[in-house]
Amino acid sequence: MKKRILVVDDDNMNLTRTRIILGKDYDVLLADSGVEALEKMKVEKVDMVLLDIDMPEMNGIETFERMKAFAAD
């Protein structure tokens, strides 16, 4: 089973590039906002997160803090 990586970025081109690069070796989930990332983490097991820091609405730091609250492992 492939490891699962959640990639969070508000730039769709970055999401597409990352999926192309990592998709051969990993199961890649994409989210274009912190809110979407949190929703995906509630229902999907994720092994690693690549998180953009500079995003509108909820920046990467706030997203990370919220992720830690329910995904300690």
N, C-alpha and C. Protein backbone atom coordinates (compact mmCIF):
# COMPACT_ATOMS: atom_id res chain seq x y z
N MET A 1 0.84 -1.19 0.00
CA MET A 1 0.00 0.00 0.00
C MET A 1 0.88 1.25 0.00
N LYS A 2 0.54 2.19 -0.87
CA LYS A 2 1.31 3.44 -0.95
C LYS A 2 1.02 4.33 0.26
N LYS A 3 2.03 5.05 0.68
CA LYS A 3 1.84 6.07 1.71
C LYS A 3 1.02 7.20 1.12
N ARG A 4 0.25 7.86 1.97
CA ARG A 4 -0.66 8.92 1.51
C ARG A 4 -0.13 10.28 1.97
N ILE A 5 -0.02 11.20 1.01
CA ILE A 5 0.43 12.57 1.28
C ILE A 5 -0.71 13.53 0.96
N LEU A 6 -0.99 14.42 1.90
CA LEU A 6 -1.96 15.49 1.68
C LEU A 6 -1.18 16.75 1.34
N VAL A 7 -1.45 17.31 0.17
CA VAL A 7 -0.80 18.53 -0.28
C VAL A 7 -1.81 19.66 -0.21
N VAL A 8 -1.46 20.73 0.50
CA VAL A 8 -2.37 21.85 0.71
C VAL A 8 -1.72 23.11 0.16
N ASP A 9 -2.38 23.71 -0.84
CA ASP A 9 -1.86 24.92 -1.46
C ASP A 9 -3.01 25.62 -2.17
N ASP A 10 -3.04 26.94 -2.11
CA ASP A 10 -4.10 27.68 -2.79
C ASP A 10 -3.79 27.92 -4.26
N ASP A 11 -2.62 27.51 -4.72
CA ASP A 11 -2.22 27.65 -6.12
C ASP A 11 -2.44 26.31 -6.84
N ASN A 12 -3.40 26.27 -7.73
CA ASN A 12 -3.74 25.02 -8.42
C ASN A 12 -2.59 24.46 -9.25
N MET A 13 -1.74 25.33 -9.79
CA MET A 13 -0.59 24.85 -10.55
C MET A 13 0.38 24.09 -9.65
N ASN A 14 0.60 24.59 -8.44
CA ASN A 14 1.45 23.87 -7.49
C ASN A 14 0.86 22.51 -7.13
N LEU A 15 -0.45 22.45 -6.96
CA LEU A 15 -1.09 21.18 -6.65
C LEU A 15 -0.91 20.19 -7.80
N THR A 16 -1.10 20.67 -9.02
CA THR A 16 -0.96 19.80 -10.19
C THR A 16 0.47 19.29 -10.33
N ARG A 17 1.43 20.17 -10.19
CA ARG A 17 2.84 19.77 -10.30
C ARG A 17 3.21 18.75 -9.23
N THR A 18 2.76 19.00 -8.03
CA THR A 18 3.10 18.10 -6.93
C THR A 18 2.49 16.73 -7.15
N ARG A 19 1.26 16.68 -7.63
CA ARG A 19 0.62 15.39 -7.92
C ARG A 19 1.40 14.64 -9.01
N ILE A 20 1.85 15.34 -10.03
CA ILE A 20 2.61 14.71 -11.10
C ILE A 20 3.92 14.14 -10.55
N ILE A 21 4.62 14.91 -9.74
CA ILE A 21 5.92 14.50 -9.22
C ILE A 21 5.79 13.36 -8.22
N LEU A 22 4.85 13.47 -7.29
CA LEU A 22 4.74 12.48 -6.21
C LEU A 22 3.81 11.33 -6.52
N GLY A 23 2.93 11.50 -7.51
CA GLY A 23 1.89 10.52 -7.78
C GLY A 23 2.38 9.15 -8.19
N LYS A 24 3.60 9.06 -8.67
CA LYS A 24 4.14 7.76 -9.08
C LYS A 24 4.43 6.86 -7.87
N ASP A 25 4.81 7.49 -6.77
CA ASP A 25 5.25 6.74 -5.60
C ASP A 25 4.32 6.83 -4.40
N TYR A 26 3.41 7.80 -4.43
CA TYR A 26 2.53 8.03 -3.28
C TYR A 26 1.09 8.21 -3.73
N ASP A 27 0.18 7.96 -2.81
CA ASP A 27 -1.22 8.30 -3.01
C ASP A 27 -1.35 9.76 -2.58
N VAL A 28 -1.64 10.64 -3.51
CA VAL A 28 -1.63 12.08 -3.25
C VAL A 28 -3.06 12.61 -3.15
N LEU A 29 -3.35 13.24 -2.02
CA LEU A 29 -4.62 13.95 -1.84
C LEU A 29 -4.33 15.44 -1.96
N LEU A 30 -5.24 16.18 -2.57
CA LEU A 30 -5.04 17.61 -2.76
C LEU A 30 -6.12 18.40 -2.06
N ALA A 31 -5.72 19.54 -1.51
CA ALA A 31 -6.67 20.47 -0.90
C ALA A 31 -6.22 21.88 -1.26
N ASP A 32 -7.17 22.73 -1.65
CA ASP A 32 -6.79 24.10 -2.04
C ASP A 32 -7.02 25.13 -0.94
N SER A 33 -7.30 24.64 0.27
CA SER A 33 -7.46 25.55 1.41
C SER A 33 -7.26 24.77 2.71
N GLY A 34 -7.02 25.51 3.78
CA GLY A 34 -6.89 24.88 5.08
C GLY A 34 -8.18 24.20 5.50
N VAL A 35 -9.30 24.81 5.20
CA VAL A 35 -10.59 24.24 5.56
C VAL A 35 -10.79 22.89 4.86
N GLU A 36 -10.49 22.84 3.57
CA GLU A 36 -10.64 21.58 2.83
C GLU A 36 -9.67 20.52 3.37
N ALA A 37 -8.47 20.93 3.72
CA ALA A 37 -7.49 19.99 4.27
C ALA A 37 -7.99 19.37 5.58
N LEU A 38 -8.55 20.19 6.44
CA LEU A 38 -9.07 19.68 7.71
C LEU A 38 -10.22 18.70 7.47
N GLU A 39 -11.08 19.00 6.52
CA GLU A 39 -12.19 18.09 6.21
C GLU A 39 -11.66 16.75 5.71
N LYS A 40 -10.65 16.79 4.85
CA LYS A 40 -10.08 15.54 4.32
C LYS A 40 -9.41 14.73 5.42
N MET A 41 -8.74 15.42 6.34
CA MET A 41 -8.05 14.70 7.41
C MET A 41 -9.03 14.03 8.37
N LYS A 42 -10.25 14.53 8.44
CA LYS A 42 -11.25 13.92 9.31
C LYS A 42 -11.70 12.56 8.79
N VAL A 43 -11.61 12.34 7.47
CA VAL A 43 -12.13 11.10 6.89
C VAL A 43 -11.06 10.23 6.24
N GLU A 44 -9.86 10.76 6.07
CA GLU A 44 -8.78 10.02 5.40
C GLU A 44 -7.58 9.87 6.34
N LYS A 45 -6.93 8.70 6.26
CA LYS A 45 -5.67 8.53 6.97
C LYS A 45 -4.58 9.14 6.12
N VAL A 46 -3.77 10.01 6.72
CA VAL A 46 -2.72 10.71 6.00
C VAL A 46 -1.40 10.43 6.70
N ASP A 47 -0.37 10.09 5.91
CA ASP A 47 0.95 9.81 6.46
C ASP A 47 1.82 11.05 6.56
N MET A 48 1.60 12.01 5.67
CA MET A 48 2.41 13.23 5.66
C MET A 48 1.60 14.36 5.04
N VAL A 49 1.89 15.59 5.48
CA VAL A 49 1.22 16.77 4.94
C VAL A 49 2.28 17.74 4.42
N LEU A 50 2.09 18.20 3.18
CA LEU A 50 2.87 19.31 2.63
C LEU A 50 1.94 20.51 2.62
N LEU A 51 2.30 21.53 3.40
CA LEU A 51 1.36 22.61 3.70
C LEU A 51 1.95 23.96 3.33
N ASP A 52 1.26 24.67 2.46
CA ASP A 52 1.62 26.05 2.12
C ASP A 52 1.34 26.93 3.33
N ILE A 53 2.22 27.86 3.61
CA ILE A 53 2.04 28.74 4.77
C ILE A 53 1.18 29.95 4.41
N ASP A 54 1.41 30.54 3.25
CA ASP A 54 0.74 31.78 2.87
C ASP A 54 -0.51 31.48 2.05
N MET A 55 -1.64 31.33 2.75
CA MET A 55 -2.93 31.09 2.09
C MET A 55 -3.97 32.05 2.65
N PRO A 56 -4.97 32.42 1.85
CA PRO A 56 -6.04 33.28 2.36
C PRO A 56 -6.95 32.52 3.32
N GLU A 57 -7.80 33.24 3.99
CA GLU A 57 -8.74 32.69 4.98
C GLU A 57 -7.99 32.10 6.18
N MET A 58 -7.54 30.88 6.04
CA MET A 58 -6.82 30.20 7.12
C MET A 58 -5.41 29.90 6.62
N ASN A 59 -4.40 30.57 7.20
CA ASN A 59 -3.04 30.34 6.72
C ASN A 59 -2.52 28.97 7.17
N GLY A 60 -1.35 28.63 6.70
CA GLY A 60 -0.78 27.32 6.98
C GLY A 60 -0.50 27.07 8.45
N ILE A 61 -0.09 28.09 9.18
CA ILE A 61 0.21 27.94 10.60
C ILE A 61 -1.07 27.60 11.37
N GLU A 62 -2.14 28.34 11.11
CA GLU A 62 -3.42 28.06 11.77
C GLU A 62 -3.95 26.68 11.38
N THR A 63 -3.81 26.33 10.11
CA THR A 63 -4.23 25.01 9.65
C THR A 63 -3.48 23.92 10.40
N PHE A 64 -2.17 24.09 10.52
CA PHE A 64 -1.34 23.12 11.22
C PHE A 64 -1.76 22.98 12.68
N GLU A 65 -2.00 24.08 13.35
CA GLU A 65 -2.44 24.04 14.75
C GLU A 65 -3.75 23.27 14.90
N ARG A 66 -4.66 23.49 13.98
CA ARG A 66 -5.94 22.77 14.02
C ARG A 66 -5.76 21.29 13.70
N MET A 67 -4.86 20.98 12.80
CA MET A 67 -4.57 19.57 12.46
C MET A 67 -4.05 18.83 13.69
N LYS A 68 -3.18 19.47 14.43
CA LYS A 68 -2.58 18.83 15.62
C LYS A 68 -3.65 18.48 16.64
N ALA A 69 -4.71 19.23 16.70
CA ALA A 69 -5.75 19.02 17.71
C ALA A 69 -6.47 17.69 17.55
N PHE A 70 -6.59 17.19 16.32
CA PHE A 70 -7.32 15.93 16.15
C PHE A 70 -6.52 14.83 15.46
N ALA A 71 -5.26 15.09 15.13
CA ALA A 71 -4.45 14.09 14.46
C ALA A 71 -3.07 13.96 15.13
N ALA A 72 -3.07 13.73 16.41
CA ALA A 72 -1.84 13.71 17.19
C ALA A 72 -0.85 12.65 16.71
N ASP A 73 -1.35 11.53 16.19
CA ASP A 73 -0.43 10.49 15.73
C ASP A 73 0.02 10.77 14.32
